[in-house]
Amino acid sequence: NRSGKQLMNVGADSQVRYIGLVQGDHVAVIGENRKLLAFPLAELPELEKGRGVILQRYKDGGLSDVCCFNLSDGLLWIDGSGRRQQVSGLETYLGKRASVGRNVPRGFNRSGKFDDRPS
């Protein structure tokens, strides 16, 4: 920040993957293995700075993308053409934090990102 205070401690063999504003009551994560998991935001503990938590378990690969959403609104993503898509039957993807998840819904972005618009 502007006064030069440290936000988090990151070890030499670690890296920060995502920082963002949290808006919603659930978290959705997708792995490089194209598995989607959604869980309540309340399951995500607040830790001391520089500490991390496991969002999803992976046999191969790692985290591809993460987003927060309101369960009542449903999970939306934006495809490469800028169209908004929505998951129907979200209960299939609901689970406990740090579990594996299920295969992404049909039509989900091949990039594994919730927003696939070109930069």
N, C-alpha and C. Protein backbone atom coordinates (compact mmCIF):
# COMPACT_ATOMS: atom_id res chain seq x y z
N ASN A 1 0.83 -1.19 0.00
CA ASN A 1 0.00 0.00 0.00
C ASN A 1 0.86 1.24 0.00
N ARG A 2 0.30 2.41 0.08
CA ARG A 2 1.03 3.65 -0.10
C ARG A 2 2.02 3.95 1.00
N SER A 3 1.74 3.51 2.22
CA SER A 3 2.66 3.82 3.31
C SER A 3 3.78 2.79 3.40
N GLY A 4 3.83 1.85 2.48
CA GLY A 4 4.92 0.89 2.45
C GLY A 4 4.78 -0.27 3.41
N LYS A 5 3.59 -0.46 3.96
CA LYS A 5 3.39 -1.59 4.86
C LYS A 5 3.29 -2.88 4.06
N GLN A 6 3.78 -3.93 4.65
CA GLN A 6 3.77 -5.22 3.98
C GLN A 6 2.39 -5.86 4.10
N LEU A 7 1.88 -6.35 3.01
CA LEU A 7 0.55 -6.96 2.98
C LEU A 7 0.60 -8.43 3.39
N MET A 8 1.60 -9.16 2.89
CA MET A 8 1.72 -10.58 3.23
C MET A 8 3.16 -11.02 3.09
N ASN A 9 3.49 -12.11 3.76
CA ASN A 9 4.81 -12.72 3.67
C ASN A 9 4.71 -13.90 2.72
N VAL A 10 5.56 -13.92 1.71
CA VAL A 10 5.56 -15.01 0.75
C VAL A 10 6.95 -15.61 0.74
N GLY A 11 7.03 -16.92 0.98
CA GLY A 11 8.31 -17.61 1.00
C GLY A 11 8.96 -17.66 -0.37
N ALA A 12 10.23 -18.01 -0.39
CA ALA A 12 10.99 -18.06 -1.64
C ALA A 12 10.42 -19.09 -2.62
N ASP A 13 9.86 -20.18 -2.10
CA ASP A 13 9.32 -21.22 -2.97
C ASP A 13 7.81 -21.12 -3.15
N SER A 14 7.22 -19.98 -2.78
CA SER A 14 5.77 -19.78 -2.88
C SER A 14 5.46 -18.59 -3.77
N GLN A 15 4.21 -18.52 -4.20
CA GLN A 15 3.76 -17.37 -4.98
C GLN A 15 2.30 -17.09 -4.68
N VAL A 16 1.91 -15.82 -4.81
CA VAL A 16 0.52 -15.42 -4.64
C VAL A 16 -0.19 -15.68 -5.96
N ARG A 17 -1.31 -16.40 -5.91
CA ARG A 17 -2.03 -16.72 -7.13
C ARG A 17 -3.18 -15.75 -7.41
N TYR A 18 -3.93 -15.38 -6.37
CA TYR A 18 -5.09 -14.52 -6.59
C TYR A 18 -5.28 -13.58 -5.41
N ILE A 19 -5.55 -12.33 -5.72
CA ILE A 19 -5.96 -11.34 -4.74
C ILE A 19 -7.14 -10.62 -5.36
N GLY A 20 -8.20 -10.47 -4.60
CA GLY A 20 -9.36 -9.78 -5.14
C GLY A 20 -10.37 -9.44 -4.07
N LEU A 21 -11.33 -8.63 -4.44
CA LEU A 21 -12.41 -8.24 -3.55
C LEU A 21 -13.40 -9.39 -3.43
N VAL A 22 -13.78 -9.71 -2.21
CA VAL A 22 -14.71 -10.81 -1.97
C VAL A 22 -16.13 -10.27 -1.90
N GLN A 23 -16.97 -10.68 -2.85
CA GLN A 23 -18.37 -10.29 -2.87
C GLN A 23 -19.19 -11.55 -3.13
N GLY A 24 -19.97 -11.94 -2.15
CA GLY A 24 -20.80 -13.13 -2.30
C GLY A 24 -20.74 -13.98 -1.05
N ASP A 25 -21.48 -15.10 -1.10
CA ASP A 25 -21.52 -15.99 0.06
C ASP A 25 -20.91 -17.36 -0.24
N HIS A 26 -20.46 -17.58 -1.48
CA HIS A 26 -19.83 -18.84 -1.86
C HIS A 26 -18.58 -18.58 -2.71
N VAL A 27 -17.70 -19.55 -2.74
CA VAL A 27 -16.46 -19.48 -3.53
C VAL A 27 -16.50 -20.63 -4.54
N ALA A 28 -16.12 -20.35 -5.77
CA ALA A 28 -15.99 -21.38 -6.80
C ALA A 28 -14.54 -21.43 -7.24
N VAL A 29 -13.97 -22.62 -7.29
CA VAL A 29 -12.59 -22.79 -7.75
C VAL A 29 -12.58 -23.83 -8.86
N ILE A 30 -11.69 -23.63 -9.81
CA ILE A 30 -11.53 -24.59 -10.90
C ILE A 30 -10.05 -24.89 -11.03
N GLY A 31 -9.74 -26.17 -11.18
CA GLY A 31 -8.35 -26.59 -11.31
C GLY A 31 -7.94 -26.74 -12.76
N GLU A 32 -6.64 -26.87 -12.96
CA GLU A 32 -6.12 -27.11 -14.30
C GLU A 32 -6.63 -28.44 -14.85
N ASN A 33 -7.11 -29.31 -13.96
CA ASN A 33 -7.69 -30.59 -14.37
C ASN A 33 -9.16 -30.47 -14.76
N ARG A 34 -9.67 -29.22 -14.82
CA ARG A 34 -11.06 -28.91 -15.21
C ARG A 34 -12.08 -29.49 -14.24
N LYS A 35 -11.75 -29.49 -12.97
CA LYS A 35 -12.69 -29.88 -11.91
C LYS A 35 -13.16 -28.61 -11.21
N LEU A 36 -14.47 -28.50 -11.02
CA LEU A 36 -15.09 -27.32 -10.41
C LEU A 36 -15.60 -27.69 -9.03
N LEU A 37 -15.34 -26.82 -8.06
CA LEU A 37 -15.81 -27.01 -6.69
C LEU A 37 -16.36 -25.68 -6.19
N ALA A 38 -17.52 -25.72 -5.57
CA ALA A 38 -18.12 -24.53 -4.94
C ALA A 38 -18.36 -24.86 -3.47
N PHE A 39 -18.05 -23.90 -2.59
CA PHE A 39 -18.24 -24.11 -1.16
C PHE A 39 -18.57 -22.78 -0.50
N PRO A 40 -19.19 -22.81 0.69
CA PRO A 40 -19.54 -21.56 1.38
C PRO A 40 -18.30 -20.76 1.77
N LEU A 41 -18.39 -19.47 1.65
CA LEU A 41 -17.29 -18.58 2.02
C LEU A 41 -16.93 -18.74 3.50
N ALA A 42 -17.90 -19.11 4.32
CA ALA A 42 -17.67 -19.29 5.76
C ALA A 42 -16.66 -20.41 6.03
N GLU A 43 -16.46 -21.34 5.09
CA GLU A 43 -15.48 -22.41 5.27
C GLU A 43 -14.05 -21.94 5.04
N LEU A 44 -13.88 -20.74 4.54
CA LEU A 44 -12.56 -20.20 4.24
C LEU A 44 -12.06 -19.42 5.45
N PRO A 45 -11.07 -19.94 6.18
CA PRO A 45 -10.62 -19.25 7.39
C PRO A 45 -9.76 -18.03 7.06
N GLU A 46 -9.79 -17.04 7.94
CA GLU A 46 -8.90 -15.90 7.82
C GLU A 46 -7.64 -16.24 8.59
N LEU A 47 -6.51 -16.19 7.92
CA LEU A 47 -5.25 -16.56 8.54
C LEU A 47 -4.35 -15.35 8.69
N GLU A 48 -3.26 -15.54 9.44
CA GLU A 48 -2.27 -14.48 9.57
C GLU A 48 -1.69 -14.20 8.19
N LYS A 49 -1.14 -12.99 8.02
CA LYS A 49 -0.62 -12.64 6.71
C LYS A 49 0.50 -13.59 6.30
N GLY A 50 0.49 -13.94 5.03
CA GLY A 50 1.51 -14.82 4.50
C GLY A 50 1.19 -16.30 4.63
N ARG A 51 0.07 -16.63 5.21
CA ARG A 51 -0.32 -18.04 5.34
C ARG A 51 -1.34 -18.37 4.26
N GLY A 52 -1.35 -19.60 3.81
CA GLY A 52 -2.29 -19.99 2.78
C GLY A 52 -3.20 -21.11 3.24
N VAL A 53 -4.26 -21.34 2.50
CA VAL A 53 -5.18 -22.44 2.78
C VAL A 53 -5.38 -23.25 1.51
N ILE A 54 -5.74 -24.49 1.66
CA ILE A 54 -6.03 -25.35 0.52
C ILE A 54 -7.48 -25.09 0.10
N LEU A 55 -7.67 -24.69 -1.15
CA LEU A 55 -9.01 -24.45 -1.68
C LEU A 55 -9.58 -25.72 -2.30
N GLN A 56 -8.74 -26.47 -3.02
CA GLN A 56 -9.20 -27.65 -3.74
C GLN A 56 -8.03 -28.63 -3.82
N ARG A 57 -8.31 -29.91 -3.74
CA ARG A 57 -7.27 -30.95 -3.85
C ARG A 57 -7.06 -31.28 -5.33
N TYR A 58 -5.79 -31.49 -5.70
CA TYR A 58 -5.45 -31.81 -7.08
C TYR A 58 -4.54 -33.03 -7.11
N LYS A 59 -4.86 -33.97 -7.98
CA LYS A 59 -3.97 -35.09 -8.21
C LYS A 59 -2.85 -34.63 -9.14
N ASP A 60 -3.22 -33.91 -10.18
CA ASP A 60 -2.27 -33.35 -11.14
C ASP A 60 -2.59 -31.87 -11.32
N GLY A 61 -1.58 -31.05 -11.56
CA GLY A 61 -1.80 -29.64 -11.84
C GLY A 61 -2.04 -28.82 -10.60
N GLY A 62 -2.75 -27.71 -10.78
CA GLY A 62 -3.00 -26.80 -9.68
C GLY A 62 -4.22 -25.94 -9.95
N LEU A 63 -4.29 -24.82 -9.27
CA LEU A 63 -5.42 -23.91 -9.37
C LEU A 63 -5.39 -23.15 -10.69
N SER A 64 -6.54 -23.08 -11.36
CA SER A 64 -6.65 -22.33 -12.60
C SER A 64 -7.33 -20.98 -12.37
N ASP A 65 -8.45 -20.96 -11.64
CA ASP A 65 -9.16 -19.71 -11.40
C ASP A 65 -10.05 -19.84 -10.17
N VAL A 66 -10.42 -18.70 -9.61
CA VAL A 66 -11.28 -18.66 -8.43
C VAL A 66 -12.19 -17.45 -8.55
N CYS A 67 -13.41 -17.56 -8.05
CA CYS A 67 -14.33 -16.42 -8.03
C CYS A 67 -15.30 -16.58 -6.87
N CYS A 68 -15.88 -15.47 -6.45
CA CYS A 68 -16.90 -15.47 -5.41
C CYS A 68 -18.24 -15.15 -6.05
N PHE A 69 -19.31 -15.71 -5.49
CA PHE A 69 -20.64 -15.48 -6.06
C PHE A 69 -21.69 -15.70 -4.97
N ASN A 70 -22.90 -15.21 -5.23
CA ASN A 70 -24.04 -15.46 -4.35
C ASN A 70 -24.76 -16.70 -4.84
N LEU A 71 -24.98 -17.64 -3.95
CA LEU A 71 -25.63 -18.90 -4.33
C LEU A 71 -27.02 -18.64 -4.91
N SER A 72 -27.73 -17.66 -4.36
CA SER A 72 -29.08 -17.36 -4.84
C SER A 72 -29.08 -16.85 -6.29
N ASP A 73 -27.99 -16.19 -6.70
CA ASP A 73 -27.87 -15.68 -8.07
C ASP A 73 -27.37 -16.74 -9.04
N GLY A 74 -26.68 -17.75 -8.53
CA GLY A 74 -26.08 -18.77 -9.37
C GLY A 74 -24.67 -18.38 -9.79
N LEU A 75 -23.97 -19.33 -10.37
CA LEU A 75 -22.59 -19.12 -10.82
C LEU A 75 -22.59 -18.73 -12.29
N LEU A 76 -22.03 -17.58 -12.57
CA LEU A 76 -21.95 -17.07 -13.94
C LEU A 76 -20.50 -17.08 -14.41
N TRP A 77 -20.30 -17.27 -15.70
CA TRP A 77 -18.99 -17.07 -16.29
C TRP A 77 -19.17 -16.41 -17.64
N ILE A 78 -18.09 -15.84 -18.16
CA ILE A 78 -18.13 -15.12 -19.43
C ILE A 78 -17.27 -15.87 -20.43
N ASP A 79 -17.85 -16.22 -21.57
CA ASP A 79 -17.09 -16.97 -22.57
C ASP A 79 -16.23 -16.03 -23.41
N GLY A 80 -15.48 -16.59 -24.34
CA GLY A 80 -14.56 -15.82 -25.16
C GLY A 80 -15.23 -14.77 -26.01
N SER A 81 -16.53 -14.91 -26.29
CA SER A 81 -17.27 -13.93 -27.09
C SER A 81 -17.91 -12.86 -26.23
N GLY A 82 -17.73 -12.93 -24.91
CA GLY A 82 -18.31 -11.95 -24.01
C GLY A 82 -19.72 -12.29 -23.56
N ARG A 83 -20.22 -13.47 -23.92
CA ARG A 83 -21.56 -13.89 -23.50
C ARG A 83 -21.52 -14.42 -22.08
N ARG A 84 -22.57 -14.12 -21.32
CA ARG A 84 -22.68 -14.61 -19.94
C ARG A 84 -23.34 -15.98 -19.96
N GLN A 85 -22.73 -16.93 -19.28
CA GLN A 85 -23.26 -18.28 -19.17
C GLN A 85 -23.55 -18.55 -17.70
N GLN A 86 -24.48 -19.45 -17.43
CA GLN A 86 -24.85 -19.74 -16.05
C GLN A 86 -24.95 -21.24 -15.82
N VAL A 87 -24.52 -21.68 -14.63
CA VAL A 87 -24.61 -23.09 -14.26
C VAL A 87 -26.00 -23.37 -13.73
N SER A 88 -26.65 -24.38 -14.27
CA SER A 88 -27.92 -24.83 -13.71
C SER A 88 -27.64 -26.11 -12.92
N GLY A 89 -28.33 -26.30 -11.82
CA GLY A 89 -28.07 -27.47 -10.98
C GLY A 89 -26.75 -27.37 -10.25
N LEU A 90 -26.53 -26.26 -9.59
CA LEU A 90 -25.25 -25.99 -8.92
C LEU A 90 -24.98 -26.94 -7.76
N GLU A 91 -26.02 -27.58 -7.23
CA GLU A 91 -25.81 -28.48 -6.08
C GLU A 91 -24.85 -29.62 -6.43
N THR A 92 -24.71 -29.95 -7.70
CA THR A 92 -23.76 -30.97 -8.13
C THR A 92 -22.33 -30.58 -7.77
N TYR A 93 -22.03 -29.29 -7.80
CA TYR A 93 -20.67 -28.80 -7.60
C TYR A 93 -20.40 -28.35 -6.17
N LEU A 94 -21.44 -28.30 -5.34
CA LEU A 94 -21.25 -27.89 -3.95
C LEU A 94 -20.56 -29.00 -3.17
N GLY A 95 -19.61 -28.61 -2.34
CA GLY A 95 -18.88 -29.57 -1.53
C GLY A 95 -18.14 -28.86 -0.41
N LYS A 96 -17.28 -29.58 0.25
CA LYS A 96 -16.47 -29.01 1.32
C LYS A 96 -15.18 -28.46 0.74
N ARG A 97 -14.68 -27.38 1.35
CA ARG A 97 -13.41 -26.81 0.93
C ARG A 97 -12.33 -27.90 0.99
N ALA A 98 -11.42 -27.87 0.05
CA ALA A 98 -10.28 -28.79 -0.05
C ALA A 98 -10.67 -30.17 -0.57
N SER A 99 -11.88 -30.32 -1.12
CA SER A 99 -12.22 -31.59 -1.77
C SER A 99 -11.89 -31.49 -3.26
N VAL A 100 -12.14 -32.54 -4.02
CA VAL A 100 -11.68 -32.62 -5.40
C VAL A 100 -12.55 -31.82 -6.37
N GLY A 101 -13.85 -31.89 -6.26
CA GLY A 101 -14.75 -31.22 -7.20
C GLY A 101 -15.23 -32.17 -8.28
N ARG A 102 -16.03 -31.63 -9.19
CA ARG A 102 -16.62 -32.42 -10.29
C ARG A 102 -16.21 -31.80 -11.62
N ASN A 103 -16.34 -32.56 -12.70
CA ASN A 103 -16.01 -32.04 -14.03
C ASN A 103 -16.84 -30.80 -14.32
N VAL A 104 -16.24 -29.84 -15.01
CA VAL A 104 -16.92 -28.59 -15.32
C VAL A 104 -18.16 -28.85 -16.16
N PRO A 105 -19.15 -27.93 -16.10
CA PRO A 105 -20.36 -28.12 -16.91
C PRO A 105 -20.05 -28.01 -18.40
N ARG A 106 -20.91 -28.61 -19.18
CA ARG A 106 -20.77 -28.56 -20.64
C ARG A 106 -20.82 -27.10 -21.09
N GLY A 107 -19.91 -26.74 -21.97
CA GLY A 107 -19.88 -25.38 -22.48
C GLY A 107 -18.97 -24.45 -21.70
N PHE A 108 -18.33 -24.95 -20.63
CA PHE A 108 -17.43 -24.10 -19.86
C PHE A 108 -16.18 -23.79 -20.68
N ASN A 109 -15.57 -22.65 -20.42
CA ASN A 109 -14.40 -22.20 -21.16
C ASN A 109 -13.27 -23.24 -21.14
N ARG A 110 -12.68 -23.49 -22.29
CA ARG A 110 -11.57 -24.44 -22.38
C ARG A 110 -10.34 -23.93 -21.63
N SER A 111 -10.23 -22.62 -21.47
CA SER A 111 -9.09 -22.04 -20.76
C SER A 111 -9.12 -22.34 -19.27
N GLY A 112 -10.29 -22.73 -18.76
CA GLY A 112 -10.42 -22.98 -17.33
C GLY A 112 -10.56 -21.71 -16.52
N LYS A 113 -10.96 -20.61 -17.15
CA LYS A 113 -11.13 -19.32 -16.48
C LYS A 113 -12.61 -18.95 -16.47
N PHE A 114 -13.00 -18.21 -15.42
CA PHE A 114 -14.39 -17.76 -15.33
C PHE A 114 -14.67 -16.60 -16.28
N ASP A 115 -13.63 -15.87 -16.66
CA ASP A 115 -13.78 -14.78 -17.64
C ASP A 115 -12.77 -15.03 -18.74
N ASP A 116 -13.24 -15.46 -19.90
CA ASP A 116 -12.38 -15.87 -21.00
C ASP A 116 -12.25 -14.81 -22.09
N ARG A 117 -12.66 -13.58 -21.77
CA ARG A 117 -12.53 -12.52 -22.77
C ARG A 117 -11.06 -12.20 -23.00
N PRO A 118 -10.69 -11.86 -24.22
CA PRO A 118 -9.29 -11.47 -24.48
C PRO A 118 -8.93 -10.23 -23.67
N SER A 119 -7.70 -10.17 -23.22
CA SER A 119 -7.25 -9.02 -22.41
C SER A 119 -7.09 -7.78 -23.24
